[in-house]
Amino acid sequence: MSDSPKKAKKPHSVFTLVVEVGRKAGDGLPKAATGAGLMCYASGVDEAEAVRETVAILKQADMAPLDVTGYGTLEERKTQGHEIEADEIELMQKALDENAVIVAQVTPYFGDRTSG
């Protein structure tokens, strides 16, 4: 039926995520790196959706996501006392406007990262 009511679209928020990645052929990381930490801003109706989308996109980009830590929305981060720069807020807005995952920073890891 063409006149059936459409589901209301849930509002999206942008979540700050840090994704730990291992090595995979074609990942674009420096040759000597053992992995990397990626600071991402991801749009989603909730943090779980933002994490799923981020992991899926990183896998498509030949990266090997190992762990994701969520830091919440802009409002949640402000409440926690995080200092947030204007350029960070711009990237968060871009992620929201484009319903996208933005990789804002890549920090390669070098050496042994195992604990023991």
N, C-alpha and C. Protein backbone atom coordinates (compact mmCIF):
# COMPACT_ATOMS: atom_id res chain seq x y z
N MET A 1 0.83 -1.19 0.00
CA MET A 1 0.00 0.00 0.00
C MET A 1 0.87 1.24 0.00
N SER A 2 0.61 2.13 -0.88
CA SER A 2 1.43 3.33 -0.98
C SER A 2 1.08 4.37 0.06
N ASP A 3 -0.12 4.28 0.65
CA ASP A 3 -0.50 5.29 1.63
C ASP A 3 -0.31 4.82 3.07
N SER A 4 0.45 3.74 3.28
CA SER A 4 0.73 3.26 4.64
C SER A 4 1.66 4.24 5.35
N PRO A 5 1.47 4.40 6.65
CA PRO A 5 2.32 5.35 7.38
C PRO A 5 3.78 4.88 7.38
N LYS A 6 4.68 5.83 7.21
CA LYS A 6 6.11 5.51 7.24
C LYS A 6 6.60 5.56 8.67
N LYS A 7 7.59 4.71 8.95
CA LYS A 7 8.20 4.72 10.28
C LYS A 7 8.91 6.05 10.48
N ALA A 8 8.74 6.62 11.65
CA ALA A 8 9.45 7.86 11.97
C ALA A 8 10.94 7.53 12.08
N LYS A 9 11.74 8.36 11.47
CA LYS A 9 13.19 8.16 11.52
C LYS A 9 13.71 8.56 12.90
N LYS A 10 14.47 7.68 13.50
CA LYS A 10 15.04 8.00 14.80
C LYS A 10 16.17 9.00 14.61
N PRO A 11 16.26 9.97 15.52
CA PRO A 11 17.35 10.94 15.39
C PRO A 11 18.71 10.29 15.62
N HIS A 12 19.68 10.71 14.85
CA HIS A 12 21.04 10.20 14.98
C HIS A 12 21.83 11.11 15.90
N SER A 13 22.81 10.54 16.55
CA SER A 13 23.79 11.27 17.33
C SER A 13 25.15 10.87 16.80
N VAL A 14 26.17 11.62 17.18
CA VAL A 14 27.53 11.27 16.80
C VAL A 14 28.27 10.81 18.05
N PHE A 15 28.92 9.67 17.92
CA PHE A 15 29.65 9.07 19.04
C PHE A 15 31.14 9.11 18.76
N THR A 16 31.92 9.37 19.80
CA THR A 16 33.38 9.34 19.69
C THR A 16 33.82 7.93 20.06
N LEU A 17 34.55 7.31 19.14
CA LEU A 17 35.02 5.94 19.34
C LEU A 17 36.53 5.88 19.12
N VAL A 18 37.21 5.06 19.90
CA VAL A 18 38.62 4.76 19.65
C VAL A 18 38.67 3.28 19.30
N VAL A 19 39.17 3.00 18.10
CA VAL A 19 39.23 1.63 17.60
C VAL A 19 40.69 1.18 17.55
N GLU A 20 40.97 0.07 18.20
CA GLU A 20 42.30 -0.53 18.14
C GLU A 20 42.29 -1.50 16.96
N VAL A 21 43.26 -1.37 16.07
CA VAL A 21 43.34 -2.27 14.92
C VAL A 21 44.66 -3.01 14.93
N GLY A 22 44.63 -4.24 14.43
CA GLY A 22 45.84 -5.03 14.24
C GLY A 22 46.33 -4.84 12.82
N ARG A 23 47.23 -5.69 12.40
CA ARG A 23 47.78 -5.60 11.05
C ARG A 23 47.02 -6.49 10.09
N LYS A 24 46.93 -6.02 8.86
CA LYS A 24 46.31 -6.78 7.78
C LYS A 24 46.92 -6.27 6.48
N ALA A 25 47.16 -7.15 5.54
CA ALA A 25 47.72 -6.73 4.25
C ALA A 25 46.85 -5.64 3.63
N GLY A 26 47.50 -4.58 3.19
CA GLY A 26 46.79 -3.49 2.54
C GLY A 26 46.16 -2.48 3.49
N ASP A 27 46.52 -2.53 4.78
CA ASP A 27 45.88 -1.63 5.75
C ASP A 27 46.40 -0.20 5.70
N GLY A 28 47.52 0.03 5.01
CA GLY A 28 48.04 1.39 4.86
C GLY A 28 48.84 1.90 6.04
N LEU A 29 49.06 1.06 7.03
CA LEU A 29 49.85 1.49 8.19
C LEU A 29 51.34 1.39 7.86
N PRO A 30 52.19 2.13 8.60
CA PRO A 30 53.63 2.03 8.36
C PRO A 30 54.11 0.58 8.50
N LYS A 31 55.12 0.24 7.71
CA LYS A 31 55.62 -1.14 7.64
C LYS A 31 55.98 -1.72 9.00
N ALA A 32 56.62 -0.92 9.86
CA ALA A 32 57.07 -1.43 11.15
C ALA A 32 56.00 -1.39 12.24
N ALA A 33 54.83 -0.84 11.94
CA ALA A 33 53.78 -0.73 12.95
C ALA A 33 53.21 -2.09 13.29
N THR A 34 52.82 -2.26 14.56
CA THR A 34 52.19 -3.51 15.01
C THR A 34 50.67 -3.38 15.02
N GLY A 35 50.17 -2.19 14.80
CA GLY A 35 48.74 -1.91 14.80
C GLY A 35 48.57 -0.41 14.92
N ALA A 36 47.35 0.02 15.30
CA ALA A 36 47.11 1.45 15.44
C ALA A 36 45.86 1.70 16.28
N GLY A 37 45.77 2.91 16.76
CA GLY A 37 44.56 3.40 17.42
C GLY A 37 43.93 4.44 16.51
N LEU A 38 42.65 4.33 16.25
CA LEU A 38 41.94 5.26 15.37
C LEU A 38 40.88 6.00 16.16
N MET A 39 40.95 7.33 16.16
CA MET A 39 39.91 8.16 16.76
C MET A 39 38.87 8.40 15.68
N CYS A 40 37.63 7.96 15.95
CA CYS A 40 36.57 8.07 14.95
C CYS A 40 35.36 8.79 15.53
N TYR A 41 34.65 9.47 14.65
CA TYR A 41 33.36 10.06 14.97
C TYR A 41 32.36 9.35 14.08
N ALA A 42 31.36 8.71 14.68
CA ALA A 42 30.43 7.88 13.92
C ALA A 42 28.99 8.24 14.27
N SER A 43 28.18 8.37 13.23
CA SER A 43 26.77 8.68 13.38
C SER A 43 25.99 7.39 13.58
N GLY A 44 24.97 7.45 14.44
CA GLY A 44 24.10 6.30 14.65
C GLY A 44 22.94 6.66 15.55
N VAL A 45 21.90 5.82 15.55
CA VAL A 45 20.76 6.07 16.44
C VAL A 45 21.15 5.77 17.89
N ASP A 46 22.17 4.92 18.07
CA ASP A 46 22.72 4.65 19.39
C ASP A 46 24.18 4.25 19.22
N GLU A 47 24.88 4.11 20.33
CA GLU A 47 26.30 3.81 20.25
C GLU A 47 26.57 2.44 19.63
N ALA A 48 25.70 1.48 19.89
CA ALA A 48 25.89 0.14 19.32
C ALA A 48 25.86 0.20 17.80
N GLU A 49 24.93 0.96 17.23
CA GLU A 49 24.87 1.09 15.77
C GLU A 49 26.12 1.79 15.24
N ALA A 50 26.57 2.83 15.94
CA ALA A 50 27.77 3.54 15.52
C ALA A 50 28.98 2.62 15.51
N VAL A 51 29.09 1.75 16.52
CA VAL A 51 30.19 0.79 16.59
C VAL A 51 30.11 -0.20 15.43
N ARG A 52 28.91 -0.75 15.18
CA ARG A 52 28.76 -1.72 14.09
C ARG A 52 29.14 -1.10 12.75
N GLU A 53 28.67 0.11 12.49
CA GLU A 53 28.97 0.79 11.22
C GLU A 53 30.47 1.05 11.09
N THR A 54 31.09 1.49 12.18
CA THR A 54 32.52 1.80 12.15
C THR A 54 33.34 0.54 11.86
N VAL A 55 33.03 -0.54 12.56
CA VAL A 55 33.76 -1.80 12.35
C VAL A 55 33.58 -2.28 10.90
N ALA A 56 32.36 -2.20 10.39
CA ALA A 56 32.10 -2.65 9.01
C ALA A 56 32.89 -1.83 8.00
N ILE A 57 32.93 -0.53 8.19
CA ILE A 57 33.65 0.34 7.25
C ILE A 57 35.15 0.10 7.33
N LEU A 58 35.68 -0.08 8.53
CA LEU A 58 37.12 -0.34 8.67
C LEU A 58 37.50 -1.67 8.03
N LYS A 59 36.64 -2.68 8.16
CA LYS A 59 36.91 -3.96 7.50
C LYS A 59 36.91 -3.80 5.99
N GLN A 60 36.00 -2.98 5.46
CA GLN A 60 35.96 -2.72 4.02
C GLN A 60 37.24 -2.03 3.56
N ALA A 61 37.86 -1.28 4.47
CA ALA A 61 39.10 -0.54 4.15
C ALA A 61 40.34 -1.39 4.43
N ASP A 62 40.18 -2.71 4.51
CA ASP A 62 41.28 -3.65 4.75
C ASP A 62 41.99 -3.41 6.08
N MET A 63 41.23 -2.99 7.09
CA MET A 63 41.80 -2.85 8.43
C MET A 63 41.27 -4.01 9.27
N ALA A 64 41.92 -4.27 10.39
CA ALA A 64 41.55 -5.40 11.26
C ALA A 64 41.16 -4.89 12.65
N PRO A 65 39.90 -4.44 12.82
CA PRO A 65 39.47 -3.94 14.13
C PRO A 65 39.53 -5.03 15.19
N LEU A 66 40.12 -4.70 16.34
CA LEU A 66 40.26 -5.65 17.44
C LEU A 66 39.39 -5.27 18.62
N ASP A 67 39.29 -3.96 18.90
CA ASP A 67 38.58 -3.50 20.09
C ASP A 67 38.06 -2.09 19.84
N VAL A 68 36.89 -1.78 20.39
CA VAL A 68 36.31 -0.44 20.25
C VAL A 68 35.96 0.07 21.64
N THR A 69 36.38 1.29 21.95
CA THR A 69 36.01 1.95 23.19
C THR A 69 35.17 3.16 22.84
N GLY A 70 33.98 3.25 23.43
CA GLY A 70 33.09 4.37 23.17
C GLY A 70 33.25 5.44 24.24
N TYR A 71 33.25 6.70 23.81
CA TYR A 71 33.36 7.83 24.73
C TYR A 71 32.10 8.68 24.75
N GLY A 72 31.04 8.22 24.06
CA GLY A 72 29.76 8.91 24.11
C GLY A 72 29.61 10.02 23.09
N THR A 73 28.52 10.77 23.25
CA THR A 73 28.20 11.88 22.36
C THR A 73 28.94 13.13 22.82
N LEU A 74 28.84 14.18 22.03
CA LEU A 74 29.46 15.46 22.38
C LEU A 74 28.96 15.92 23.75
N GLU A 75 27.65 15.85 23.97
CA GLU A 75 27.07 16.30 25.23
C GLU A 75 27.58 15.46 26.40
N GLU A 76 27.65 14.14 26.19
CA GLU A 76 28.14 13.26 27.24
C GLU A 76 29.60 13.55 27.56
N ARG A 77 30.39 13.80 26.53
CA ARG A 77 31.81 14.10 26.75
C ARG A 77 31.98 15.42 27.50
N LYS A 78 31.17 16.41 27.15
CA LYS A 78 31.24 17.70 27.88
C LYS A 78 30.90 17.51 29.34
N THR A 79 29.87 16.69 29.61
CA THR A 79 29.46 16.40 30.98
C THR A 79 30.59 15.72 31.76
N GLN A 80 31.39 14.89 31.06
CA GLN A 80 32.51 14.19 31.69
C GLN A 80 33.74 15.08 31.86
N GLY A 81 33.64 16.32 31.36
CA GLY A 81 34.74 17.26 31.52
C GLY A 81 35.79 17.22 30.43
N HIS A 82 35.50 16.54 29.32
CA HIS A 82 36.46 16.50 28.21
C HIS A 82 36.58 17.88 27.57
N GLU A 83 37.79 18.26 27.23
CA GLU A 83 38.02 19.48 26.46
C GLU A 83 37.90 19.13 24.99
N ILE A 84 37.00 19.81 24.29
CA ILE A 84 36.72 19.48 22.90
C ILE A 84 37.00 20.69 22.03
N GLU A 85 37.94 20.53 21.11
CA GLU A 85 38.35 21.62 20.23
C GLU A 85 37.31 21.87 19.14
N ALA A 86 37.34 23.08 18.58
CA ALA A 86 36.40 23.47 17.53
C ALA A 86 36.51 22.55 16.30
N ASP A 87 37.74 22.15 15.94
CA ASP A 87 37.89 21.29 14.76
C ASP A 87 37.26 19.90 15.00
N GLU A 88 37.29 19.44 16.25
CA GLU A 88 36.65 18.18 16.60
C GLU A 88 35.13 18.30 16.42
N ILE A 89 34.58 19.40 16.88
CA ILE A 89 33.13 19.64 16.76
C ILE A 89 32.73 19.71 15.29
N GLU A 90 33.58 20.32 14.46
CA GLU A 90 33.30 20.39 13.02
C GLU A 90 33.25 18.99 12.41
N LEU A 91 34.20 18.14 12.79
CA LEU A 91 34.21 16.76 12.26
C LEU A 91 33.00 15.97 12.74
N MET A 92 32.60 16.20 13.98
CA MET A 92 31.40 15.53 14.50
C MET A 92 30.17 15.97 13.72
N GLN A 93 30.08 17.26 13.42
CA GLN A 93 28.95 17.77 12.65
C GLN A 93 28.94 17.18 11.24
N LYS A 94 30.13 17.04 10.66
CA LYS A 94 30.23 16.44 9.32
C LYS A 94 29.75 14.99 9.35
N ALA A 95 30.14 14.25 10.39
CA ALA A 95 29.69 12.86 10.52
C ALA A 95 28.17 12.80 10.61
N LEU A 96 27.58 13.74 11.34
CA LEU A 96 26.13 13.77 11.48
C LEU A 96 25.46 14.16 10.17
N ASP A 97 25.95 15.22 9.54
CA ASP A 97 25.36 15.71 8.28
C ASP A 97 25.41 14.66 7.19
N GLU A 98 26.50 13.91 7.13
CA GLU A 98 26.70 12.93 6.07
C GLU A 98 26.35 11.50 6.48
N ASN A 99 25.85 11.34 7.72
CA ASN A 99 25.56 10.00 8.26
C ASN A 99 26.75 9.09 7.98
N ALA A 100 27.91 9.52 8.47
CA ALA A 100 29.17 8.89 8.09
C ALA A 100 30.01 8.52 9.30
N VAL A 101 31.08 7.80 8.99
CA VAL A 101 32.14 7.53 9.97
C VAL A 101 33.35 8.34 9.53
N ILE A 102 33.84 9.19 10.40
CA ILE A 102 35.02 10.02 10.12
C ILE A 102 36.18 9.50 10.96
N VAL A 103 37.27 9.14 10.31
CA VAL A 103 38.49 8.77 11.04
C VAL A 103 39.29 10.05 11.20
N ALA A 104 39.31 10.57 12.42
CA ALA A 104 39.92 11.87 12.68
C ALA A 104 41.42 11.79 12.95
N GLN A 105 41.86 10.65 13.48
CA GLN A 105 43.28 10.53 13.83
C GLN A 105 43.68 9.06 13.80
N VAL A 106 44.88 8.80 13.28
CA VAL A 106 45.44 7.45 13.28
C VAL A 106 46.78 7.51 14.01
N THR A 107 46.91 6.72 15.06
CA THR A 107 48.16 6.66 15.82
C THR A 107 48.74 5.26 15.68
N PRO A 108 49.78 5.09 14.83
CA PRO A 108 50.39 3.77 14.67
C PRO A 108 51.08 3.34 15.96
N TYR A 109 51.06 2.04 16.23
CA TYR A 109 51.76 1.46 17.36
C TYR A 109 53.00 0.74 16.85
N PHE A 110 54.08 0.89 17.60
CA PHE A 110 55.33 0.23 17.26
C PHE A 110 55.80 -0.56 18.47
N GLY A 111 56.29 -1.78 18.25
CA GLY A 111 56.80 -2.58 19.36
C GLY A 111 55.74 -3.51 19.90
N ASP A 112 56.06 -4.15 21.00
CA ASP A 112 55.21 -5.15 21.61
C ASP A 112 54.15 -4.48 22.47
N ARG A 113 52.86 -4.70 22.14
CA ARG A 113 51.77 -4.10 22.90
C ARG A 113 51.05 -5.10 23.80
N THR A 114 51.65 -6.27 24.00
CA THR A 114 51.01 -7.24 24.87
C THR A 114 51.36 -6.95 26.31
N SER A 115 50.43 -7.20 27.20
CA SER A 115 50.71 -7.00 28.62
C SER A 115 51.00 -8.35 29.25
N GLY A 116 51.71 -8.34 30.34
CA GLY A 116 52.01 -9.63 30.92
C GLY A 116 52.88 -9.47 32.02
